[in-house]
Amino acid sequence: MADFTDLIARAVTPSMGREEREQVYTVVRQAVQRLQDRENLAPDDPRILLQRHLIEETIRDVEFDIIRFLTLRKIEQARMAQNAEYEAQFTQSKKR
């Protein structure tokens, strides 16, 4: 499963839209399904259910990481804008 985590993490980027990332996740789900089909296990086999759960959990974790990254980037941009505004006000007050 670690291979799938790496695959997912490398296949998506924060610059991708949600729809693009969902397409990647669909491909991963399909790949897992094909691998499971090759194993000829019953659909309700606990191993299959566990694998599917792990894939969904991995996708959720990747989405969380992307959201966290984007949020931190927005906070940093807001901080930089606030600092620039403060510097502009400070510079103007020194000129008076």
PDB file of N, CA and C in Angstrom:
ATOM      1  N   MET A   1       0.816  -1.192   0.000  1.00  0.00           N
ATOM      2  CA  MET A   1       0.000   0.000   0.000  1.00  0.00           C
ATOM      3  C   MET A   1       0.863   1.260   0.000  1.00  0.00           C
ATOM      4  N   ALA A   2       2.060   1.158   0.540  1.00  0.00           N
ATOM      5  CA  ALA A   2       2.940   2.323   0.533  1.00  0.00           C
ATOM      6  C   ALA A   2       3.246   2.758  -0.893  1.00  0.00           C
ATOM      7  N   ASP A   3       3.319   1.812  -1.819  1.00  0.00           N
ATOM      8  CA  ASP A   3       3.548   2.151  -3.220  1.00  0.00           C
ATOM      9  C   ASP A   3       2.409   3.004  -3.766  1.00  0.00           C
ATOM     10  N   PHE A   4       1.186   2.670  -3.384  1.00  0.00           N
ATOM     11  CA  PHE A   4       0.057   3.455  -3.849  1.00  0.00           C
ATOM     12  C   PHE A   4       0.055   4.837  -3.216  1.00  0.00           C
ATOM     13  N   THR A   5       0.475   4.939  -1.987  1.00  0.00           N
ATOM     14  CA  THR A   5       0.572   6.250  -1.343  1.00  0.00           C
ATOM     15  C   THR A   5       1.557   7.119  -2.103  1.00  0.00           C
ATOM     16  N   ASP A   6       2.724   6.561  -2.433  1.00  0.00           N
ATOM     17  CA  ASP A   6       3.712   7.304  -3.212  1.00  0.00           C
ATOM     18  C   ASP A   6       3.182   7.668  -4.585  1.00  0.00           C
ATOM     19  N   LEU A   7       2.501   6.729  -5.220  1.00  0.00           N
ATOM     20  CA  LEU A   7       1.936   6.972  -6.545  1.00  0.00           C
ATOM     21  C   LEU A   7       0.950   8.131  -6.505  1.00  0.00           C
ATOM     22  N   ILE A   8       0.076   8.100  -5.551  1.00  0.00           N
ATOM     23  CA  ILE A   8      -0.928   9.157  -5.433  1.00  0.00           C
ATOM     24  C   ILE A   8      -0.257  10.491  -5.124  1.00  0.00           C
ATOM     25  N   ALA A   9       0.663  10.471  -4.176  1.00  0.00           N
ATOM     26  CA  ALA A   9       1.329  11.713  -3.772  1.00  0.00           C
ATOM     27  C   ALA A   9       2.131  12.322  -4.919  1.00  0.00           C
ATOM     28  N   ARG A  10       2.703  11.502  -5.766  1.00  0.00           N
ATOM     29  CA  ARG A  10       3.482  12.021  -6.896  1.00  0.00           C
ATOM     30  C   ARG A  10       2.599  12.432  -8.063  1.00  0.00           C
ATOM     31  N   ALA A  11       1.415  11.855  -8.154  1.00  0.00           N
ATOM     32  CA  ALA A  11       0.540  12.097  -9.297  1.00  0.00           C
ATOM     33  C   ALA A  11      -0.294  13.367  -9.153  1.00  0.00           C
ATOM     34  N   VAL A  12      -0.480  13.839  -7.947  1.00  0.00           N
ATOM     35  CA  VAL A  12      -1.293  15.041  -7.745  1.00  0.00           C
ATOM     36  C   VAL A  12      -0.414  16.162  -7.202  1.00  0.00           C
ATOM     37  N   THR A  13      -0.824  17.374  -7.506  1.00  0.00           N
ATOM     38  CA  THR A  13      -0.119  18.543  -6.998  1.00  0.00           C
ATOM     39  C   THR A  13      -1.146  19.556  -6.508  1.00  0.00           C
ATOM     40  N   PRO A  14      -0.741  20.427  -5.616  1.00  0.00           N
ATOM     41  CA  PRO A  14      -1.677  21.448  -5.122  1.00  0.00           C
ATOM     42  C   PRO A  14      -2.186  22.368  -6.229  1.00  0.00           C
ATOM     43  N   SER A  15      -1.427  22.498  -7.310  1.00  0.00           N
ATOM     44  CA  SER A  15      -1.870  23.390  -8.393  1.00  0.00           C
ATOM     45  C   SER A  15      -2.982  22.776  -9.237  1.00  0.00           C
ATOM     46  N   MET A  16      -3.209  21.479  -9.083  1.00  0.00           N
ATOM     47  CA  MET A  16      -4.293  20.827  -9.812  1.00  0.00           C
ATOM     48  C   MET A  16      -5.625  21.200  -9.185  1.00  0.00           C
ATOM     49  N   GLY A  17      -6.623  21.271 -10.031  1.00  0.00           N
ATOM     50  CA  GLY A  17      -7.971  21.496  -9.516  1.00  0.00           C
ATOM     51  C   GLY A  17      -8.500  20.211  -8.898  1.00  0.00           C
ATOM     52  N   ARG A  18      -9.553  20.356  -8.140  1.00  0.00           N
ATOM     53  CA  ARG A  18     -10.163  19.187  -7.481  1.00  0.00           C
ATOM     54  C   ARG A  18     -10.593  18.142  -8.508  1.00  0.00           C
ATOM     55  N   GLU A  19     -11.127  18.591  -9.634  1.00  0.00           N
ATOM     56  CA  GLU A  19     -11.583  17.672 -10.677  1.00  0.00           C
ATOM     57  C   GLU A  19     -10.411  16.863 -11.256  1.00  0.00           C
ATOM     58  N   GLU A  20      -9.288  17.533 -11.488  1.00  0.00           N
ATOM     59  CA  GLU A  20      -8.099  16.839 -12.006  1.00  0.00           C
ATOM     60  C   GLU A  20      -7.595  15.797 -11.009  1.00  0.00           C
ATOM     61  N   ARG A  21      -7.561  16.191  -9.729  1.00  0.00           N
ATOM     62  CA  ARG A  21      -7.098  15.243  -8.722  1.00  0.00           C
ATOM     63  C   ARG A  21      -8.040  14.053  -8.634  1.00  0.00           C
ATOM     64  N   GLU A  22      -9.340  14.302  -8.758  1.00  0.00           N
ATOM     65  CA  GLU A  22     -10.314  13.208  -8.701  1.00  0.00           C
ATOM     66  C   GLU A  22     -10.105  12.235  -9.858  1.00  0.00           C
ATOM     67  N   GLN A  23      -9.689  12.736 -11.006  1.00  0.00           N
ATOM     68  CA  GLN A  23      -9.379  11.853 -12.137  1.00  0.00           C
ATOM     69  C   GLN A  23      -8.206  10.928 -11.796  1.00  0.00           C
ATOM     70  N   VAL A  24      -7.205  11.468 -11.130  1.00  0.00           N
ATOM     71  CA  VAL A  24      -6.062  10.645 -10.709  1.00  0.00           C
ATOM     72  C   VAL A  24      -6.535   9.586  -9.724  1.00  0.00           C
ATOM     73  N   TYR A  25      -7.360   9.984  -8.775  1.00  0.00           N
ATOM     74  CA  TYR A  25      -7.848   9.030  -7.779  1.00  0.00           C
ATOM     75  C   TYR A  25      -8.667   7.924  -8.437  1.00  0.00           C
ATOM     76  N   THR A  26      -9.418   8.277  -9.459  1.00  0.00           N
ATOM     77  CA  THR A  26     -10.202   7.272 -10.186  1.00  0.00           C
ATOM     78  C   THR A  26      -9.284   6.256 -10.852  1.00  0.00           C
ATOM     79  N   VAL A  27      -8.207   6.726 -11.447  1.00  0.00           N
ATOM     80  CA  VAL A  27      -7.244   5.823 -12.084  1.00  0.00           C
ATOM     81  C   VAL A  27      -6.625   4.891 -11.038  1.00  0.00           C
ATOM     82  N   VAL A  28      -6.305   5.430  -9.892  1.00  0.00           N
ATOM     83  CA  VAL A  28      -5.728   4.605  -8.818  1.00  0.00           C
ATOM     84  C   VAL A  28      -6.738   3.559  -8.361  1.00  0.00           C
ATOM     85  N   ARG A  29      -7.964   3.975  -8.166  1.00  0.00           N
ATOM     86  CA  ARG A  29      -9.005   3.010  -7.759  1.00  0.00           C
ATOM     87  C   ARG A  29      -9.164   1.904  -8.798  1.00  0.00           C
ATOM     88  N   GLN A  30      -9.141   2.282 -10.064  1.00  0.00           N
ATOM     89  CA  GLN A  30      -9.268   1.284 -11.129  1.00  0.00           C
ATOM     90  C   GLN A  30      -8.077   0.330 -11.137  1.00  0.00           C
ATOM     91  N   ALA A  31      -6.882   0.860 -10.900  1.00  0.00           N
ATOM     92  CA  ALA A  31      -5.691   0.003 -10.860  1.00  0.00           C
ATOM     93  C   ALA A  31      -5.778  -0.998  -9.716  1.00  0.00           C
ATOM     94  N   VAL A  32      -6.233  -0.538  -8.582  1.00  0.00           N
ATOM     95  CA  VAL A  32      -6.392  -1.436  -7.434  1.00  0.00           C
ATOM     96  C   VAL A  32      -7.433  -2.500  -7.754  1.00  0.00           C
ATOM     97  N   GLN A  33      -8.520  -2.086  -8.378  1.00  0.00           N
ATOM     98  CA  GLN A  33      -9.568  -3.043  -8.744  1.00  0.00           C
ATOM     99  C   GLN A  33      -9.029  -4.114  -9.694  1.00  0.00           C
ATOM    100  N   ARG A  34      -8.231  -3.714 -10.671  1.00  0.00           N
ATOM    101  CA  ARG A  34      -7.649  -4.695 -11.605  1.00  0.00           C
ATOM    102  C   ARG A  34      -6.721  -5.666 -10.880  1.00  0.00           C
ATOM    103  N   LEU A  35      -5.937  -5.145  -9.965  1.00  0.00           N
ATOM    104  CA  LEU A  35      -5.050  -6.025  -9.190  1.00  0.00           C
ATOM    105  C   LEU A  35      -5.855  -7.005  -8.348  1.00  0.00           C
ATOM    106  N   GLN A  36      -6.917  -6.520  -7.763  1.00  0.00           N
ATOM    107  CA  GLN A  36      -7.761  -7.395  -6.953  1.00  0.00           C
ATOM    108  C   GLN A  36      -8.452  -8.452  -7.811  1.00  0.00           C
ATOM    109  N   ASP A  37      -8.855  -8.058  -8.999  1.00  0.00           N
ATOM    110  CA  ASP A  37      -9.491  -9.016  -9.911  1.00  0.00           C
ATOM    111  C   ASP A  37      -8.527 -10.142 -10.275  1.00  0.00           C
ATOM    112  N   ARG A  38      -7.269  -9.810 -10.437  1.00  0.00           N
ATOM    113  CA  ARG A  38      -6.257 -10.830 -10.770  1.00  0.00           C
ATOM    114  C   ARG A  38      -6.075 -11.846  -9.651  1.00  0.00           C
ATOM    115  N   GLU A  39      -6.327 -11.412  -8.426  1.00  0.00           N
ATOM    116  CA  GLU A  39      -6.155 -12.311  -7.280  1.00  0.00           C
ATOM    117  C   GLU A  39      -7.318 -13.292  -7.138  1.00  0.00           C
ATOM    118  N   ASN A  40      -8.383 -13.077  -7.878  1.00  0.00           N
ATOM    119  CA  ASN A  40      -9.562 -13.953  -7.859  1.00  0.00           C
ATOM    120  C   ASN A  40     -10.113 -14.183  -6.449  1.00  0.00           C
ATOM    121  N   LEU A  41     -10.165 -13.128  -5.689  1.00  0.00           N
ATOM    122  CA  LEU A  41     -10.733 -13.220  -4.345  1.00  0.00           C
ATOM    123  C   LEU A  41     -12.214 -12.861  -4.390  1.00  0.00           C
ATOM    124  N   ALA A  42     -12.943 -13.367  -3.468  1.00  0.00           N
ATOM    125  CA  ALA A  42     -14.367 -13.039  -3.366  1.00  0.00           C
ATOM    126  C   ALA A  42     -14.520 -11.552  -3.074  1.00  0.00           C
ATOM    127  N   PRO A  43     -15.558 -10.918  -3.622  1.00  0.00           N
ATOM    128  CA  PRO A  43     -15.744  -9.475  -3.416  1.00  0.00           C
ATOM    129  C   PRO A  43     -15.837  -9.057  -1.952  1.00  0.00           C
ATOM    130  N   ASP A  44     -16.276  -9.978  -1.099  1.00  0.00           N
ATOM    131  CA  ASP A  44     -16.389  -9.619   0.315  1.00  0.00           C
ATOM    132  C   ASP A  44     -15.204 -10.111   1.144  1.00  0.00           C
ATOM    133  N   ASP A  45     -14.130 -10.504   0.469  1.00  0.00           N
ATOM    134  CA  ASP A  45     -12.922 -10.952   1.170  1.00  0.00           C
ATOM    135  C   ASP A  45     -12.385  -9.785   2.009  1.00  0.00           C
ATOM    136  N   PRO A  46     -12.059 -10.017   3.262  1.00  0.00           N
ATOM    137  CA  PRO A  46     -11.571  -8.936   4.134  1.00  0.00           C
ATOM    138  C   PRO A  46     -10.327  -8.228   3.593  1.00  0.00           C
ATOM    139  N   ARG A  47      -9.490  -8.943   2.860  1.00  0.00           N
ATOM    140  CA  ARG A  47      -8.287  -8.308   2.304  1.00  0.00           C
ATOM    141  C   ARG A  47      -8.654  -7.260   1.257  1.00  0.00           C
ATOM    142  N   ILE A  48      -9.645  -7.576   0.449  1.00  0.00           N
ATOM    143  CA  ILE A  48     -10.088  -6.612  -0.556  1.00  0.00           C
ATOM    144  C   ILE A  48     -10.715  -5.395   0.121  1.00  0.00           C
ATOM    145  N   LEU A  49     -11.539  -5.657   1.106  1.00  0.00           N
ATOM    146  CA  LEU A  49     -12.170  -4.553   1.823  1.00  0.00           C
ATOM    147  C   LEU A  49     -11.127  -3.675   2.506  1.00  0.00           C
ATOM    148  N   LEU A  50     -10.114  -4.294   3.074  1.00  0.00           N
ATOM    149  CA  LEU A  50      -9.050  -3.529   3.726  1.00  0.00           C
ATOM    150  C   LEU A  50      -8.276  -2.696   2.701  1.00  0.00           C
ATOM    151  N   GLN A  51      -7.945  -3.284   1.572  1.00  0.00           N
ATOM    152  CA  GLN A  51      -7.214  -2.542   0.538  1.00  0.00           C
ATOM    153  C   GLN A  51      -8.020  -1.334   0.065  1.00  0.00           C
ATOM    154  N   ARG A  52      -9.286  -1.532  -0.173  1.00  0.00           N
ATOM    155  CA  ARG A  52     -10.136  -0.418  -0.617  1.00  0.00           C
ATOM    156  C   ARG A  52     -10.204   0.671   0.450  1.00  0.00           C
ATOM    157  N   HIS A  53     -10.320   0.243   1.685  1.00  0.00           N
ATOM    158  CA  HIS A  53     -10.343   1.212   2.782  1.00  0.00           C
ATOM    159  C   HIS A  53      -9.026   1.998   2.830  1.00  0.00           C
ATOM    160  N   LEU A  54      -7.917   1.307   2.672  1.00  0.00           N
ATOM    161  CA  LEU A  54      -6.616   1.973   2.734  1.00  0.00           C
ATOM    162  C   LEU A  54      -6.428   2.963   1.589  1.00  0.00           C
ATOM    163  N   ILE A  55      -6.913   2.608   0.416  1.00  0.00           N
ATOM    164  CA  ILE A  55      -6.817   3.525  -0.720  1.00  0.00           C
ATOM    165  C   ILE A  55      -7.633   4.790  -0.432  1.00  0.00           C
ATOM    166  N   GLU A  56      -8.857   4.608   0.038  1.00  0.00           N
ATOM    167  CA  GLU A  56      -9.699   5.777   0.344  1.00  0.00           C
ATOM    168  C   GLU A  56      -9.091   6.619   1.459  1.00  0.00           C
ATOM    169  N   GLU A  57      -8.512   5.966   2.433  1.00  0.00           N
ATOM    170  CA  GLU A  57      -7.848   6.682   3.527  1.00  0.00           C
ATOM    171  C   GLU A  57      -6.648   7.465   3.000  1.00  0.00           C
ATOM    172  N   THR A  58      -5.898   6.863   2.102  1.00  0.00           N
ATOM    173  CA  THR A  58      -4.740   7.536   1.508  1.00  0.00           C
ATOM    174  C   THR A  58      -5.180   8.753   0.706  1.00  0.00           C
ATOM    175  N   ILE A  59      -6.226   8.597  -0.084  1.00  0.00           N
ATOM    176  CA  ILE A  59      -6.740   9.723  -0.859  1.00  0.00           C
ATOM    177  C   ILE A  59      -7.179  10.845   0.073  1.00  0.00           C
ATOM    178  N   ARG A  60      -7.860  10.494   1.137  1.00  0.00           N
ATOM    179  CA  ARG A  60      -8.294  11.499   2.116  1.00  0.00           C
ATOM    180  C   ARG A  60      -7.083  12.207   2.731  1.00  0.00           C
ATOM    181  N   ASP A  61      -6.035  11.445   3.059  1.00  0.00           N
ATOM    182  CA  ASP A  61      -4.828  12.034   3.639  1.00  0.00           C
ATOM    183  C   ASP A  61      -4.138  12.983   2.661  1.00  0.00           C
ATOM    184  N   VAL A  62      -4.065  12.579   1.400  1.00  0.00           N
ATOM    185  CA  VAL A  62      -3.441  13.430   0.384  1.00  0.00           C
ATOM    186  C   VAL A  62      -4.246  14.720   0.234  1.00  0.00           C
ATOM    187  N   GLU A  63      -5.562  14.604   0.184  1.00  0.00           N
ATOM    188  CA  GLU A  63      -6.409  15.791   0.078  1.00  0.00           C
ATOM    189  C   GLU A  63      -6.208  16.710   1.284  1.00  0.00           C
ATOM    190  N   PHE A  64      -6.092  16.141   2.466  1.00  0.00           N
ATOM    191  CA  PHE A  64      -5.848  16.940   3.670  1.00  0.00           C
ATOM    192  C   PHE A  64      -4.515  17.676   3.542  1.00  0.00           C
ATOM    193  N   ASP A  65      -3.475  16.980   3.083  1.00  0.00           N
ATOM    194  CA  ASP A  65      -2.165  17.612   2.927  1.00  0.00           C
ATOM    195  C   ASP A  65      -2.215  18.757   1.920  1.00  0.00           C
ATOM    196  N   ILE A  66      -2.947  18.569   0.839  1.00  0.00           N
ATOM    197  CA  ILE A  66      -3.066  19.629  -0.163  1.00  0.00           C
ATOM    198  C   ILE A  66      -3.797  20.832   0.424  1.00  0.00           C
ATOM    199  N   ILE A  67      -4.875  20.590   1.123  1.00  0.00           N
ATOM    200  CA  ILE A  67      -5.628  21.683   1.740  1.00  0.00           C
ATOM    201  C   ILE A  67      -4.768  22.416   2.759  1.00  0.00           C
ATOM    202  N   ARG A  68      -4.015  21.664   3.547  1.00  0.00           N
ATOM    203  CA  ARG A  68      -3.125  22.292   4.529  1.00  0.00           C
ATOM    204  C   ARG A  68      -2.074  23.150   3.837  1.00  0.00           C
ATOM    205  N   PHE A  69      -1.472  22.629   2.766  1.00  0.00           N
ATOM    206  CA  PHE A  69      -0.467  23.375   2.013  1.00  0.00           C
ATOM    207  C   PHE A  69      -1.056  24.675   1.467  1.00  0.00           C
ATOM    208  N   LEU A  70      -2.223  24.572   0.824  1.00  0.00           N
ATOM    209  CA  LEU A  70      -2.854  25.764   0.246  1.00  0.00           C
ATOM    210  C   LEU A  70      -3.231  26.778   1.314  1.00  0.00           C
ATOM    211  N   THR A  71      -3.706  26.303   2.447  1.00  0.00           N
ATOM    212  CA  THR A  71      -4.069  27.198   3.548  1.00  0.00           C
ATOM    213  C   THR A  71      -2.849  27.924   4.088  1.00  0.00           C
ATOM    214  N   LEU A  72      -1.769  27.189   4.290  1.00  0.00           N
ATOM    215  CA  LEU A  72      -0.541  27.822   4.787  1.00  0.00           C
ATOM    216  C   LEU A  72       0.000  28.839   3.796  1.00  0.00           C
ATOM    217  N   ARG A  73      -0.126  28.526   2.507  1.00  0.00           N
ATOM    218  CA  ARG A  73       0.334  29.466   1.479  1.00  0.00           C
ATOM    219  C   ARG A  73      -0.508  30.742   1.520  1.00  0.00           C
ATOM    220  N   LYS A  74      -1.821  30.618   1.687  1.00  0.00           N
ATOM    221  CA  LYS A  74      -2.686  31.795   1.771  1.00  0.00           C
ATOM    222  C   LYS A  74      -2.372  32.621   3.010  1.00  0.00           C
ATOM    223  N   ILE A  75      -2.099  31.949   4.115  1.00  0.00           N
ATOM    224  CA  ILE A  75      -1.741  32.666   5.348  1.00  0.00           C
ATOM    225  C   ILE A  75      -0.444  33.429   5.145  1.00  0.00           C
ATOM    226  N   GLU A  76       0.523  32.802   4.497  1.00  0.00           N
ATOM    227  CA  GLU A  76       1.810  33.467   4.238  1.00  0.00           C
ATOM    228  C   GLU A  76       1.622  34.671   3.319  1.00  0.00           C
ATOM    229  N   GLN A  77       0.796  34.535   2.292  1.00  0.00           N
ATOM    230  CA  GLN A  77       0.529  35.650   1.388  1.00  0.00           C
ATOM    231  C   GLN A  77      -0.155  36.794   2.132  1.00  0.00           C
ATOM    232  N   ALA A  78      -1.090  36.474   3.004  1.00  0.00           N
ATOM    233  CA  ALA A  78      -1.774  37.500   3.785  1.00  0.00           C
ATOM    234  C   ALA A  78      -0.798  38.194   4.728  1.00  0.00           C
ATOM    235  N   ARG A  79       0.103  37.422   5.333  1.00  0.00           N
ATOM    236  CA  ARG A  79       1.104  38.003   6.233  1.00  0.00           C
ATOM    237  C   ARG A  79       2.026  38.943   5.465  1.00  0.00           C
ATOM    238  N   MET A  80       2.440  38.531   4.277  1.00  0.00           N
ATOM    239  CA  MET A  80       3.318  39.382   3.464  1.00  0.00           C
ATOM    240  C   MET A  80       2.602  40.673   3.055  1.00  0.00           C
ATOM    241  N   ALA A  81       1.326  40.577   2.700  1.00  0.00           N
ATOM    242  CA  ALA A  81       0.557  41.767   2.332  1.00  0.00           C
ATOM    243  C   ALA A  81       0.404  42.689   3.535  1.00  0.00           C
ATOM    244  N   GLN A  82       0.158  42.105   4.682  1.00  0.00           N
ATOM    245  CA  GLN A  82       0.008  42.898   5.898  1.00  0.00           C
ATOM    246  C   GLN A  82       1.326  43.600   6.235  1.00  0.00           C
ATOM    247  N   ASN A  83       2.438  42.883   6.108  1.00  0.00           N
ATOM    248  CA  ASN A  83       3.746  43.487   6.370  1.00  0.00           C
ATOM    249  C   ASN A  83       4.039  44.619   5.386  1.00  0.00           C
ATOM    250  N   ALA A  84       3.684  44.420   4.121  1.00  0.00           N
ATOM    251  CA  ALA A  84       3.913  45.459   3.120  1.00  0.00           C
ATOM    252  C   ALA A  84       3.078  46.698   3.431  1.00  0.00           C
ATOM    253  N   GLU A  85       1.840  46.484   3.855  1.00  0.00           N
ATOM    254  CA  GLU A  85       0.969  47.603   4.218  1.00  0.00           C
ATOM    255  C   GLU A  85       1.539  48.346   5.425  1.00  0.00           C
ATOM    256  N   TYR A  86       2.014  47.603   6.395  1.00  0.00           N
ATOM    257  CA  TYR A  86       2.605  48.219   7.581  1.00  0.00           C
ATOM    258  C   TYR A  86       3.841  49.031   7.189  1.00  0.00           C
ATOM    259  N   GLU A  87       4.691  48.458   6.343  1.00  0.00           N
ATOM    260  CA  GLU A  87       5.899  49.162   5.898  1.00  0.00           C
ATOM    261  C   GLU A  87       5.539  50.453   5.164  1.00  0.00           C
ATOM    262  N   ALA A  88       4.510  50.388   4.327  1.00  0.00           N
ATOM    263  CA  ALA A  88       4.093  51.580   3.589  1.00  0.00           C
ATOM    264  C   ALA A  88       3.596  52.655   4.553  1.00  0.00           C
ATOM    265  N   GLN A  89       2.812  52.267   5.537  1.00  0.00           N
ATOM    266  CA  GLN A  89       2.306  53.228   6.514  1.00  0.00           C
ATOM    267  C   GLN A  89       3.445  53.796   7.353  1.00  0.00           C
ATOM    268  N   PHE A  90       4.383  52.944   7.744  1.00  0.00           N
ATOM    269  CA  PHE A  90       5.525  53.377   8.556  1.00  0.00           C
ATOM    270  C   PHE A  90       6.387  54.347   7.769  1.00  0.00           C
ATOM    271  N   THR A  91       6.614  54.070   6.499  1.00  0.00           N
ATOM    272  CA  THR A  91       7.430  54.937   5.644  1.00  0.00           C
ATOM    273  C   THR A  91       6.752  56.290   5.468  1.00  0.00           C
ATOM    274  N   GLN A  92       5.448  56.292   5.264  1.00  0.00           N
ATOM    275  CA  GLN A  92       4.726  57.553   5.106  1.00  0.00           C
ATOM    276  C   GLN A  92       4.749  58.377   6.387  1.00  0.00           C
ATOM    277  N   SER A  93       4.625  57.714   7.525  1.00  0.00           N
ATOM    278  CA  SER A  93       4.618  58.459   8.793  1.00  0.00           C
ATOM    279  C   SER A  93       5.999  59.044   9.084  1.00  0.00           C
ATOM    280  N   LYS A  94       7.079  58.424   8.586  1.00  0.00           N
ATOM    281  CA  LYS A  94       8.420  58.972   8.789  1.00  0.00           C
ATOM    282  C   LYS A  94       8.646  60.213   7.932  1.00  0.00           C
ATOM    283  N   LYS A  95       7.969  60.267   6.769  1.00  0.00           N
ATOM    284  CA  LYS A  95       8.135  61.389   5.854  1.00  0.00           C
ATOM    285  C   LYS A  95       7.445  62.645   6.383  1.00  0.00           C
ATOM    286  N   ARG A  96       6.512  62.485   7.257  1.00  0.00           N
ATOM    287  CA  ARG A  96       5.755  63.644   7.784  1.00  0.00           C
ATOM    288  C   ARG A  96       6.543  64.379   8.771  1.00  0.00           C
TER     289      ARG A  96
END
